[in-house]
Amino acid sequence: MKKILSYSLILFTVLAVSSCGELAKKAAKAAMGQTSGESVEFNVLTQPQELKKWYDKIAEKLGESSSVMDEISLNVNKLQDNKGDLLINLVYQSKEDKHNVVQLLYSSESIGWQVPITKGIDVVIGDAEDFKLEDELFDMKEIPYANLQKIVNAALEKYKDEAKYEYQYVEEITIKKNRVDVTISGKLKSNGLDKEKYYYTDFDGKENR
């Protein structure tokens, strides 16, 4: 069953943010206006101490909402001079209406933490009568930092190729219920183009695709 978040009538009025996280990146960019984030390196998610720092920041920002998560995603857009724009998309169940979710976006290059937005859910694949948001949720405690770092290390080790790439880094981490997707990006020595490789596991680090 696949769901999407309904169109928001507050802010982001022209954006429907998919639970897959791809449009969340565009939403964060579209909202840029005030510079209130912090500068990061493009390989921020590749550095264990930095990943730990941002894991802890997310947990602190979410508070008790970390127990009813629909999605956590971190994505880095590489900029010039080895800098990066860290985009974070957090989606969790609303306290006020258990049928809705709240989306919280962050951009290190511009908006910082955006104001949380409550959104409805539309089921686009499957029977809406069978959908239960609770079946999609996970507790952040189910994927502690140590497990997440182990998964990221395994992804880097699997695709590491110094002969082929000028450099490689963790471009994206997406966490859903018992699922972690890691994208490793690198610049090819042969033609200077970027190439991405994908690593999919459950919370215990077992590859499932």
N, C-alpha and C. Protein backbone atom coordinates (compact mmCIF):
# COMPACT_ATOMS: atom_id res chain seq x y z
N MET A 1 0.85 -1.19 0.00
CA MET A 1 0.00 0.00 0.00
C MET A 1 0.88 1.24 0.00
N LYS A 2 0.56 2.23 -0.83
CA LYS A 2 1.35 3.44 -0.92
C LYS A 2 0.50 4.64 -0.59
N LYS A 3 1.08 5.59 0.14
CA LYS A 3 0.35 6.79 0.54
C LYS A 3 1.15 8.01 0.16
N ILE A 4 0.48 9.14 0.04
CA ILE A 4 1.14 10.41 -0.12
C ILE A 4 0.53 11.38 0.87
N LEU A 5 1.26 12.43 1.20
CA LEU A 5 0.74 13.47 2.07
C LEU A 5 -0.06 14.45 1.24
N SER A 6 -1.21 14.87 1.75
CA SER A 6 -2.10 15.76 1.02
C SER A 6 -1.47 17.13 0.84
N TYR A 7 -2.00 17.88 -0.13
CA TYR A 7 -1.53 19.24 -0.36
C TYR A 7 -1.75 20.09 0.88
N SER A 8 -0.76 20.90 1.19
CA SER A 8 -0.86 21.79 2.34
C SER A 8 -1.43 23.12 1.90
N LEU A 9 -2.36 23.66 2.69
CA LEU A 9 -2.93 24.97 2.41
C LEU A 9 -2.19 26.06 3.16
N ILE A 10 -1.26 25.67 4.00
CA ILE A 10 -0.44 26.62 4.75
C ILE A 10 1.00 26.45 4.29
N LEU A 11 1.64 27.53 3.78
CA LEU A 11 2.95 27.45 3.19
C LEU A 11 2.90 26.47 2.02
N PHE A 12 3.95 26.00 1.46
CA PHE A 12 4.05 24.96 0.46
C PHE A 12 2.73 24.67 -0.27
N THR A 13 2.03 25.70 -0.70
CA THR A 13 0.70 25.50 -1.24
C THR A 13 0.70 24.77 -2.57
N VAL A 14 1.81 24.75 -3.28
CA VAL A 14 1.83 24.10 -4.58
C VAL A 14 2.59 22.78 -4.57
N LEU A 15 2.93 22.31 -3.36
CA LEU A 15 3.73 21.10 -3.28
C LEU A 15 3.00 19.98 -2.55
N ALA A 16 2.93 18.82 -3.16
CA ALA A 16 2.45 17.62 -2.47
C ALA A 16 3.69 16.81 -2.13
N VAL A 17 3.94 16.55 -0.86
CA VAL A 17 5.17 15.90 -0.46
C VAL A 17 4.93 14.41 -0.31
N SER A 18 5.62 13.63 -1.10
CA SER A 18 5.46 12.18 -1.10
C SER A 18 6.15 11.56 0.08
N SER A 19 5.61 10.43 0.57
CA SER A 19 6.23 9.73 1.68
C SER A 19 7.57 9.14 1.29
N CYS A 20 7.89 9.08 0.01
CA CYS A 20 9.19 8.56 -0.42
C CYS A 20 10.29 9.57 -0.19
N GLY A 21 9.92 10.84 0.09
CA GLY A 21 10.92 11.83 0.47
C GLY A 21 11.51 12.63 -0.66
N GLU A 22 11.27 12.26 -1.93
CA GLU A 22 11.92 12.95 -3.04
C GLU A 22 11.47 14.40 -3.14
N LEU A 23 10.16 14.67 -3.03
CA LEU A 23 9.68 16.04 -3.18
C LEU A 23 9.95 16.88 -1.94
N ALA A 24 10.27 16.22 -0.84
CA ALA A 24 10.61 16.98 0.37
C ALA A 24 11.85 17.82 0.13
N LYS A 25 12.76 17.31 -0.68
CA LYS A 25 13.97 18.07 -1.00
C LYS A 25 13.59 19.35 -1.73
N LYS A 26 12.68 19.25 -2.71
CA LYS A 26 12.25 20.42 -3.47
C LYS A 26 11.50 21.39 -2.57
N ALA A 27 10.71 20.85 -1.63
CA ALA A 27 9.96 21.70 -0.72
C ALA A 27 10.90 22.55 0.13
N ALA A 28 11.96 21.92 0.61
CA ALA A 28 12.92 22.64 1.43
C ALA A 28 13.59 23.75 0.63
N LYS A 29 13.96 23.46 -0.60
CA LYS A 29 14.61 24.46 -1.44
C LYS A 29 13.66 25.60 -1.76
N ALA A 30 12.41 25.28 -2.05
CA ALA A 30 11.43 26.30 -2.41
C ALA A 30 11.16 27.26 -1.27
N ALA A 31 11.34 26.78 -0.04
CA ALA A 31 11.05 27.61 1.12
C ALA A 31 12.21 28.51 1.52
N MET A 32 13.33 28.43 0.79
CA MET A 32 14.51 29.20 1.18
C MET A 32 14.22 30.70 1.16
N GLY A 33 14.75 31.37 2.16
CA GLY A 33 14.54 32.81 2.24
C GLY A 33 15.47 33.42 3.25
N GLN A 34 15.42 32.93 4.48
CA GLN A 34 16.27 33.45 5.53
C GLN A 34 17.39 32.46 5.81
N THR A 35 18.59 33.01 6.01
CA THR A 35 19.73 32.15 6.31
C THR A 35 19.80 31.92 7.81
N SER A 36 19.37 30.72 8.24
CA SER A 36 19.34 30.45 9.67
C SER A 36 19.85 29.04 9.99
N GLY A 37 20.41 28.35 8.98
CA GLY A 37 20.95 27.02 9.22
C GLY A 37 22.42 27.12 9.62
N GLU A 38 23.16 26.03 9.42
CA GLU A 38 24.57 26.04 9.72
C GLU A 38 25.33 25.36 8.60
N SER A 39 26.56 25.81 8.39
CA SER A 39 27.36 25.29 7.29
C SER A 39 27.80 23.85 7.59
N VAL A 40 27.71 22.99 6.57
CA VAL A 40 28.16 21.60 6.71
C VAL A 40 29.01 21.23 5.50
N GLU A 41 29.84 20.21 5.65
CA GLU A 41 30.59 19.67 4.53
C GLU A 41 29.73 18.67 3.78
N PHE A 42 30.04 18.48 2.49
CA PHE A 42 29.19 17.61 1.68
C PHE A 42 29.24 16.16 2.16
N ASN A 43 30.31 15.78 2.87
CA ASN A 43 30.41 14.41 3.38
C ASN A 43 30.00 14.30 4.84
N VAL A 44 29.11 15.19 5.26
CA VAL A 44 28.69 15.25 6.67
C VAL A 44 28.11 13.92 7.15
N LEU A 45 27.35 13.22 6.30
CA LEU A 45 26.73 11.97 6.71
C LEU A 45 27.71 10.80 6.67
N THR A 46 28.87 11.02 6.08
CA THR A 46 29.91 10.00 5.99
C THR A 46 30.75 9.97 7.25
N GLN A 47 30.78 11.08 7.98
CA GLN A 47 31.59 11.20 9.19
C GLN A 47 30.80 10.73 10.41
N PRO A 48 31.25 9.68 11.09
CA PRO A 48 30.49 9.13 12.23
C PRO A 48 30.13 10.17 13.29
N GLN A 49 31.07 11.05 13.63
CA GLN A 49 30.77 12.03 14.67
C GLN A 49 29.69 13.01 14.23
N GLU A 50 29.66 13.33 12.93
CA GLU A 50 28.64 14.23 12.42
C GLU A 50 27.28 13.53 12.33
N LEU A 51 27.27 12.29 11.87
CA LEU A 51 26.01 11.54 11.82
C LEU A 51 25.43 11.39 13.22
N LYS A 52 26.29 11.10 14.20
CA LYS A 52 25.83 11.00 15.59
C LYS A 52 25.25 12.31 16.06
N LYS A 53 25.91 13.42 15.72
CA LYS A 53 25.42 14.74 16.14
C LYS A 53 24.03 15.02 15.58
N TRP A 54 23.84 14.72 14.29
CA TRP A 54 22.54 15.00 13.68
C TRP A 54 21.47 14.00 14.12
N TYR A 55 21.85 12.78 14.39
CA TYR A 55 20.90 11.81 14.95
C TYR A 55 20.38 12.33 16.28
N ASP A 56 21.29 12.80 17.12
CA ASP A 56 20.90 13.32 18.44
C ASP A 56 20.06 14.58 18.31
N LYS A 57 20.41 15.45 17.35
CA LYS A 57 19.63 16.68 17.16
C LYS A 57 18.20 16.35 16.74
N ILE A 58 18.06 15.37 15.86
CA ILE A 58 16.73 14.98 15.39
C ILE A 58 15.91 14.42 16.55
N ALA A 59 16.52 13.56 17.36
CA ALA A 59 15.82 12.98 18.50
C ALA A 59 15.38 14.07 19.48
N GLU A 60 16.27 15.04 19.71
CA GLU A 60 15.93 16.15 20.61
C GLU A 60 14.81 17.01 20.04
N LYS A 61 14.88 17.28 18.74
CA LYS A 61 13.86 18.11 18.10
C LYS A 61 12.49 17.44 18.14
N LEU A 62 12.46 16.14 17.96
CA LEU A 62 11.19 15.40 17.92
C LEU A 62 10.58 15.22 19.30
N GLY A 63 11.42 15.06 20.31
CA GLY A 63 10.89 14.80 21.64
C GLY A 63 10.08 13.52 21.68
N GLU A 64 8.93 13.56 22.30
CA GLU A 64 8.10 12.35 22.42
C GLU A 64 7.52 11.91 21.08
N SER A 65 7.53 12.79 20.09
CA SER A 65 7.04 12.42 18.76
C SER A 65 7.94 11.40 18.08
N SER A 66 9.16 11.21 18.60
CA SER A 66 10.08 10.24 18.01
C SER A 66 9.56 8.81 18.12
N SER A 67 8.51 8.61 18.93
CA SER A 67 7.95 7.26 19.11
C SER A 67 6.86 6.95 18.08
N VAL A 68 6.48 7.93 17.27
CA VAL A 68 5.41 7.73 16.28
C VAL A 68 5.87 8.25 14.92
N MET A 69 7.02 7.76 14.47
CA MET A 69 7.61 8.25 13.22
C MET A 69 7.07 7.51 12.00
N ASP A 70 6.84 8.28 10.94
CA ASP A 70 6.51 7.71 9.64
C ASP A 70 7.75 7.68 8.75
N GLU A 71 8.58 8.72 8.85
CA GLU A 71 9.78 8.78 8.02
C GLU A 71 10.80 9.74 8.60
N ILE A 72 12.06 9.37 8.47
CA ILE A 72 13.20 10.25 8.74
C ILE A 72 14.09 10.18 7.52
N SER A 73 14.38 11.31 6.91
CA SER A 73 15.32 11.28 5.78
C SER A 73 16.30 12.44 5.89
N LEU A 74 17.54 12.14 5.55
CA LEU A 74 18.62 13.13 5.52
C LEU A 74 19.25 13.05 4.14
N ASN A 75 19.38 14.19 3.49
CA ASN A 75 19.94 14.23 2.14
C ASN A 75 20.92 15.40 2.04
N VAL A 76 22.03 15.15 1.35
CA VAL A 76 23.03 16.22 1.16
C VAL A 76 23.12 16.58 -0.32
N ASN A 77 22.91 17.84 -0.63
CA ASN A 77 23.18 18.36 -1.97
C ASN A 77 24.58 18.96 -1.96
N LYS A 78 25.46 18.43 -2.79
CA LYS A 78 26.84 18.91 -2.83
C LYS A 78 26.90 20.29 -3.48
N LEU A 79 27.57 21.22 -2.81
CA LEU A 79 27.74 22.57 -3.32
C LEU A 79 29.21 22.78 -3.67
N GLN A 80 29.60 24.00 -3.92
CA GLN A 80 30.99 24.29 -4.24
C GLN A 80 31.85 24.31 -2.98
N ASP A 81 33.17 24.21 -3.17
CA ASP A 81 34.13 24.31 -2.07
C ASP A 81 33.90 23.27 -0.98
N ASN A 82 33.50 22.06 -1.39
CA ASN A 82 33.29 20.94 -0.47
C ASN A 82 32.19 21.19 0.56
N LYS A 83 31.34 22.17 0.30
CA LYS A 83 30.21 22.42 1.18
C LYS A 83 28.99 21.65 0.71
N GLY A 84 28.03 21.51 1.61
CA GLY A 84 26.82 20.80 1.25
C GLY A 84 25.60 21.43 1.91
N ASP A 85 24.44 21.19 1.33
CA ASP A 85 23.18 21.62 1.92
C ASP A 85 22.52 20.37 2.49
N LEU A 86 22.46 20.28 3.80
CA LEU A 86 21.84 19.14 4.47
C LEU A 86 20.35 19.39 4.58
N LEU A 87 19.56 18.53 3.96
CA LEU A 87 18.11 18.62 3.99
C LEU A 87 17.55 17.47 4.82
N ILE A 88 16.73 17.81 5.79
CA ILE A 88 16.14 16.81 6.68
C ILE A 88 14.62 16.86 6.54
N ASN A 89 14.01 15.70 6.41
CA ASN A 89 12.56 15.59 6.32
C ASN A 89 12.08 14.64 7.41
N LEU A 90 11.27 15.14 8.33
CA LEU A 90 10.73 14.33 9.42
C LEU A 90 9.21 14.30 9.31
N VAL A 91 8.65 13.12 9.35
CA VAL A 91 7.19 12.96 9.28
C VAL A 91 6.75 12.08 10.43
N TYR A 92 5.81 12.57 11.24
CA TYR A 92 5.36 11.81 12.41
C TYR A 92 3.86 12.03 12.64
N GLN A 93 3.26 11.15 13.40
CA GLN A 93 1.82 11.20 13.65
C GLN A 93 1.45 12.44 14.46
N SER A 94 0.36 13.08 14.06
CA SER A 94 -0.11 14.27 14.76
C SER A 94 -0.72 13.89 16.12
N LYS A 95 -0.43 14.68 17.15
CA LYS A 95 -1.05 14.48 18.46
C LYS A 95 -2.53 14.85 18.44
N GLU A 96 -2.84 15.91 17.71
CA GLU A 96 -4.20 16.43 17.69
C GLU A 96 -5.18 15.55 16.91
N ASP A 97 -4.70 14.98 15.81
CA ASP A 97 -5.54 14.13 14.98
C ASP A 97 -4.70 12.93 14.55
N LYS A 98 -4.97 11.78 15.13
CA LYS A 98 -4.16 10.58 14.89
C LYS A 98 -4.24 10.09 13.45
N HIS A 99 -5.16 10.64 12.66
CA HIS A 99 -5.27 10.25 11.25
C HIS A 99 -4.36 11.09 10.35
N ASN A 100 -3.79 12.15 10.91
CA ASN A 100 -2.93 13.04 10.15
C ASN A 100 -1.47 12.90 10.59
N VAL A 101 -0.59 13.48 9.81
CA VAL A 101 0.83 13.50 10.16
C VAL A 101 1.32 14.95 10.20
N VAL A 102 2.46 15.14 10.82
CA VAL A 102 3.13 16.44 10.87
C VAL A 102 4.45 16.31 10.13
N GLN A 103 4.75 17.28 9.28
CA GLN A 103 6.00 17.28 8.55
C GLN A 103 6.88 18.43 9.03
N LEU A 104 8.14 18.13 9.28
CA LEU A 104 9.10 19.12 9.74
C LEU A 104 10.32 19.06 8.84
N LEU A 105 10.66 20.20 8.21
CA LEU A 105 11.77 20.27 7.26
C LEU A 105 12.91 21.11 7.80
N TYR A 106 14.11 20.78 7.36
CA TYR A 106 15.30 21.54 7.73
C TYR A 106 16.21 21.67 6.52
N SER A 107 16.83 22.85 6.36
CA SER A 107 17.86 23.06 5.36
C SER A 107 19.01 23.80 6.02
N SER A 108 20.21 23.22 5.97
CA SER A 108 21.36 23.84 6.63
C SER A 108 21.80 25.12 5.94
N GLU A 109 21.51 25.27 4.65
CA GLU A 109 21.99 26.42 3.90
C GLU A 109 21.06 27.63 4.00
N SER A 110 19.84 27.45 4.45
CA SER A 110 18.94 28.59 4.39
C SER A 110 17.91 28.67 5.51
N ILE A 111 16.92 27.80 5.47
CA ILE A 111 15.77 28.01 6.35
C ILE A 111 15.97 27.50 7.77
N GLY A 112 17.00 26.70 8.02
CA GLY A 112 17.10 26.07 9.32
C GLY A 112 15.90 25.15 9.50
N TRP A 113 15.36 25.10 10.71
CA TRP A 113 14.16 24.30 10.96
C TRP A 113 12.92 25.09 10.56
N GLN A 114 12.11 24.52 9.71
CA GLN A 114 10.88 25.16 9.27
C GLN A 114 9.78 24.93 10.30
N VAL A 115 8.72 25.73 10.22
CA VAL A 115 7.56 25.54 11.09
C VAL A 115 6.88 24.22 10.73
N PRO A 116 6.56 23.37 11.70
CA PRO A 116 5.90 22.09 11.40
C PRO A 116 4.56 22.31 10.69
N ILE A 117 4.25 21.41 9.76
CA ILE A 117 3.02 21.51 8.99
C ILE A 117 2.21 20.23 9.15
N THR A 118 0.95 20.35 9.52
CA THR A 118 0.07 19.19 9.63
C THR A 118 -0.52 18.88 8.25
N LYS A 119 -0.49 17.60 7.89
CA LYS A 119 -0.96 17.19 6.57
C LYS A 119 -1.84 15.94 6.67
N GLY A 120 -2.79 15.87 5.76
CA GLY A 120 -3.61 14.68 5.64
C GLY A 120 -2.90 13.64 4.80
N ILE A 121 -3.50 12.47 4.67
CA ILE A 121 -2.91 11.36 3.94
C ILE A 121 -3.89 10.88 2.87
N ASP A 122 -3.38 10.63 1.67
CA ASP A 122 -4.16 10.02 0.60
C ASP A 122 -3.53 8.69 0.23
N VAL A 123 -4.34 7.65 0.14
CA VAL A 123 -3.86 6.34 -0.29
C VAL A 123 -3.99 6.27 -1.81
N VAL A 124 -2.88 6.05 -2.50
CA VAL A 124 -2.89 6.04 -3.97
C VAL A 124 -2.76 4.64 -4.54
N ILE A 125 -2.28 3.68 -3.74
CA ILE A 125 -2.21 2.29 -4.16
C ILE A 125 -2.75 1.44 -3.02
N GLY A 126 -3.74 0.59 -3.31
CA GLY A 126 -4.35 -0.23 -2.27
C GLY A 126 -5.70 0.32 -1.88
N ASP A 127 -6.36 -0.36 -0.95
CA ASP A 127 -7.71 -0.01 -0.50
C ASP A 127 -7.61 0.93 0.69
N ALA A 128 -8.19 2.12 0.56
CA ALA A 128 -8.15 3.11 1.63
C ALA A 128 -8.80 2.57 2.91
N GLU A 129 -9.80 1.68 2.78
CA GLU A 129 -10.48 1.14 3.95
C GLU A 129 -9.55 0.30 4.81
N ASP A 130 -8.53 -0.27 4.19
CA ASP A 130 -7.61 -1.14 4.92
C ASP A 130 -6.44 -0.39 5.53
N PHE A 131 -6.31 0.90 5.21
CA PHE A 131 -5.15 1.66 5.66
C PHE A 131 -5.26 2.05 7.13
N LYS A 132 -4.19 1.81 7.88
CA LYS A 132 -4.09 2.26 9.26
C LYS A 132 -2.72 2.92 9.42
N LEU A 133 -2.71 4.17 9.78
CA LEU A 133 -1.44 4.89 9.92
C LEU A 133 -0.54 4.21 10.94
N GLU A 134 -1.14 3.65 12.00
CA GLU A 134 -0.34 3.01 13.03
C GLU A 134 0.52 1.87 12.48
N ASP A 135 0.06 1.24 11.41
CA ASP A 135 0.82 0.14 10.81
C ASP A 135 2.09 0.63 10.11
N GLU A 136 2.16 1.94 9.84
CA GLU A 136 3.29 2.52 9.12
C GLU A 136 4.35 3.12 10.05
N LEU A 137 4.02 3.21 11.34
CA LEU A 137 4.85 3.98 12.26
C LEU A 137 5.93 3.13 12.94
N PHE A 138 6.99 3.81 13.35
CA PHE A 138 8.05 3.16 14.12
C PHE A 138 8.55 4.10 15.20
N ASP A 139 9.17 3.53 16.20
CA ASP A 139 9.79 4.29 17.28
C ASP A 139 11.26 4.47 16.94
N MET A 140 11.76 5.69 17.05
CA MET A 140 13.16 5.95 16.73
C MET A 140 14.10 5.08 17.56
N LYS A 141 13.65 4.63 18.72
CA LYS A 141 14.47 3.77 19.57
C LYS A 141 14.72 2.41 18.91
N GLU A 142 13.89 2.05 17.92
CA GLU A 142 14.07 0.78 17.22
C GLU A 142 15.31 0.79 16.33
N ILE A 143 15.77 1.99 15.97
CA ILE A 143 16.96 2.12 15.14
C ILE A 143 17.94 3.06 15.85
N PRO A 144 18.58 2.58 16.92
CA PRO A 144 19.53 3.43 17.65
C PRO A 144 20.70 3.83 16.76
N TYR A 145 21.42 4.83 17.21
CA TYR A 145 22.53 5.34 16.40
C TYR A 145 23.52 4.24 16.04
N ALA A 146 23.84 3.37 16.99
CA ALA A 146 24.83 2.32 16.74
C ALA A 146 24.41 1.44 15.56
N ASN A 147 23.13 1.09 15.49
CA ASN A 147 22.64 0.28 14.37
C ASN A 147 22.71 1.05 13.06
N LEU A 148 22.32 2.32 13.11
CA LEU A 148 22.35 3.15 11.91
C LEU A 148 23.76 3.29 11.39
N GLN A 149 24.72 3.54 12.27
CA GLN A 149 26.11 3.69 11.85
C GLN A 149 26.65 2.39 11.26
N LYS A 150 26.26 1.27 11.84
CA LYS A 150 26.67 -0.03 11.31
C LYS A 150 26.18 -0.22 9.88
N ILE A 151 24.94 0.19 9.62
CA ILE A 151 24.36 0.07 8.29
C ILE A 151 25.08 0.98 7.29
N VAL A 152 25.34 2.22 7.71
CA VAL A 152 26.04 3.17 6.85
C VAL A 152 27.46 2.66 6.53
N ASN A 153 28.14 2.14 7.55
CA ASN A 153 29.48 1.59 7.34
C ASN A 153 29.45 0.44 6.34
N ALA A 154 28.44 -0.42 6.45
CA ALA A 154 28.33 -1.57 5.54
C ALA A 154 28.09 -1.10 4.10
N ALA A 155 27.27 -0.05 3.95
CA ALA A 155 27.00 0.49 2.61
C ALA A 155 28.28 1.07 2.00
N LEU A 156 29.03 1.82 2.79
CA LEU A 156 30.29 2.40 2.31
C LEU A 156 31.30 1.31 1.95
N GLU A 157 31.36 0.29 2.77
CA GLU A 157 32.31 -0.80 2.53
C GLU A 157 31.94 -1.56 1.26
N LYS A 158 30.65 -1.78 1.04
CA LYS A 158 30.21 -2.54 -0.13
C LYS A 158 30.56 -1.84 -1.43
N TYR A 159 30.41 -0.52 -1.45
CA TYR A 159 30.57 0.21 -2.71
C TYR A 159 31.88 1.00 -2.82
N LYS A 160 32.73 0.89 -1.81
CA LYS A 160 34.01 1.62 -1.85
C LYS A 160 34.87 1.14 -3.02
N ASP A 161 35.33 2.09 -3.82
CA ASP A 161 36.17 1.75 -4.97
C ASP A 161 37.06 2.94 -5.30
N GLU A 162 38.22 3.01 -4.65
CA GLU A 162 39.12 4.14 -4.83
C GLU A 162 39.70 4.19 -6.24
N ALA A 163 39.77 3.05 -6.91
CA ALA A 163 40.30 3.03 -8.27
C ALA A 163 39.33 3.66 -9.26
N LYS A 164 38.05 3.57 -8.99
CA LYS A 164 37.03 4.04 -9.92
C LYS A 164 36.59 5.47 -9.63
N TYR A 165 36.58 5.84 -8.33
CA TYR A 165 36.00 7.14 -7.96
C TYR A 165 37.06 8.12 -7.45
N GLU A 166 36.86 9.38 -7.79
CA GLU A 166 37.70 10.45 -7.24
C GLU A 166 37.39 10.63 -5.76
N TYR A 167 36.12 10.53 -5.42
CA TYR A 167 35.67 10.56 -4.03
C TYR A 167 34.29 9.91 -3.95
N GLN A 168 33.90 9.48 -2.75
CA GLN A 168 32.58 8.92 -2.50
C GLN A 168 32.08 9.44 -1.17
N TYR A 169 30.78 9.51 -1.03
CA TYR A 169 30.20 9.99 0.22
C TYR A 169 28.76 9.50 0.36
N VAL A 170 28.23 9.57 1.57
CA VAL A 170 26.83 9.21 1.82
C VAL A 170 25.96 10.40 1.42
N GLU A 171 25.15 10.21 0.40
CA GLU A 171 24.31 11.29 -0.10
C GLU A 171 22.96 11.34 0.61
N GLU A 172 22.40 10.17 0.92
CA GLU A 172 21.06 10.16 1.50
C GLU A 172 20.86 8.96 2.41
N ILE A 173 20.13 9.18 3.48
CA ILE A 173 19.68 8.12 4.39
C ILE A 173 18.19 8.31 4.61
N THR A 174 17.41 7.28 4.33
CA THR A 174 15.97 7.34 4.56
C THR A 174 15.57 6.18 5.46
N ILE A 175 14.82 6.51 6.51
CA ILE A 175 14.39 5.52 7.49
C ILE A 175 12.87 5.47 7.52
N LYS A 176 12.33 4.28 7.31
CA LYS A 176 10.90 4.02 7.47
C LYS A 176 10.75 2.81 8.36
N LYS A 177 9.56 2.30 8.51
CA LYS A 177 9.34 1.18 9.41
C LYS A 177 10.18 -0.03 9.00
N ASN A 178 11.11 -0.42 9.89
CA ASN A 178 12.01 -1.55 9.68
C ASN A 178 12.69 -1.52 8.32
N ARG A 179 13.08 -0.33 7.90
CA ARG A 179 13.72 -0.18 6.59
C ARG A 179 14.67 1.01 6.63
N VAL A 180 15.89 0.79 6.14
CA VAL A 180 16.86 1.87 6.00
C VAL A 180 17.42 1.83 4.59
N ASP A 181 17.30 2.94 3.88
CA ASP A 181 17.85 3.06 2.52
C ASP A 181 19.02 4.04 2.56
N VAL A 182 20.16 3.62 2.04
CA VAL A 182 21.36 4.47 2.02
C VAL A 182 21.81 4.65 0.58
N THR A 183 22.03 5.89 0.18
CA THR A 183 22.54 6.20 -1.15
C THR A 183 23.99 6.65 -1.04
N ILE A 184 24.87 5.94 -1.75
CA ILE A 184 26.29 6.31 -1.80
C ILE A 184 26.55 6.95 -3.17
N SER A 185 27.07 8.17 -3.16
CA SER A 185 27.36 8.88 -4.41
C SER A 185 28.86 9.06 -4.56
N GLY A 186 29.32 9.06 -5.81
CA GLY A 186 30.74 9.26 -6.05
C GLY A 186 30.99 9.91 -7.40
N LYS A 187 32.14 10.57 -7.53
CA LYS A 187 32.53 11.20 -8.80
C LYS A 187 33.49 10.27 -9.52
N LEU A 188 33.08 9.83 -10.72
CA LEU A 188 33.88 8.89 -11.49
C LEU A 188 35.15 9.54 -12.03
N LYS A 189 36.28 8.84 -11.92
CA LYS A 189 37.54 9.33 -12.45
C LYS A 189 37.53 9.33 -13.98
N SER A 190 36.80 8.41 -14.57
CA SER A 190 36.85 8.22 -16.02
C SER A 190 36.24 9.39 -16.79
N ASN A 191 35.18 9.98 -16.27
CA ASN A 191 34.50 11.04 -17.03
C ASN A 191 34.01 12.21 -16.18
N GLY A 192 34.28 12.18 -14.87
CA GLY A 192 33.89 13.29 -14.01
C GLY A 192 32.42 13.33 -13.65
N LEU A 193 31.66 12.30 -14.04
CA LEU A 193 30.23 12.28 -13.74
C LEU A 193 29.98 11.65 -12.37
N ASP A 194 28.81 11.98 -11.81
CA ASP A 194 28.42 11.40 -10.53
C ASP A 194 27.68 10.08 -10.77
N LYS A 195 27.90 9.13 -9.89
CA LYS A 195 27.19 7.86 -9.97
C LYS A 195 26.71 7.48 -8.58
N GLU A 196 25.47 6.99 -8.49
CA GLU A 196 24.89 6.62 -7.21
C GLU A 196 24.69 5.11 -7.11
N LYS A 197 24.91 4.60 -5.92
CA LYS A 197 24.67 3.19 -5.61
C LYS A 197 23.74 3.14 -4.39
N TYR A 198 22.91 2.08 -4.32
CA TYR A 198 21.85 2.04 -3.30
C TYR A 198 21.99 0.80 -2.43
N TYR A 199 21.72 0.98 -1.14
CA TYR A 199 21.86 -0.08 -0.16
C TYR A 199 20.60 -0.10 0.70
N TYR A 200 19.93 -1.27 0.77
CA TYR A 200 18.65 -1.38 1.47
C TYR A 200 18.74 -2.45 2.54
N THR A 201 18.35 -2.12 3.77
CA THR A 201 18.38 -3.09 4.86
C THR A 201 17.17 -2.92 5.77
N ASP A 202 17.01 -3.91 6.69
CA ASP A 202 16.07 -3.72 7.77
C ASP A 202 16.82 -3.06 8.94
N PHE A 203 16.15 -2.89 10.06
CA PHE A 203 16.78 -2.18 11.19
C PHE A 203 17.97 -2.95 11.77
N ASP A 204 18.02 -4.26 11.55
CA ASP A 204 19.14 -5.04 12.06
C ASP A 204 20.34 -5.07 11.12
N GLY A 205 20.16 -4.44 9.94
CA GLY A 205 21.26 -4.39 8.98
C GLY A 205 21.26 -5.51 7.96
N LYS A 206 20.17 -6.29 7.90
CA LYS A 206 20.07 -7.37 6.92
C LYS A 206 19.60 -6.81 5.58
N GLU A 207 20.40 -6.98 4.54
CA GLU A 207 20.01 -6.51 3.22
C GLU A 207 18.72 -7.19 2.76
N ASN A 208 17.82 -6.40 2.20
CA ASN A 208 16.54 -6.97 1.78
C ASN A 208 16.20 -6.67 0.33
N ARG A 209 17.15 -6.10 -0.43
CA ARG A 209 16.92 -5.88 -1.87
C ARG A 209 18.23 -6.00 -2.61
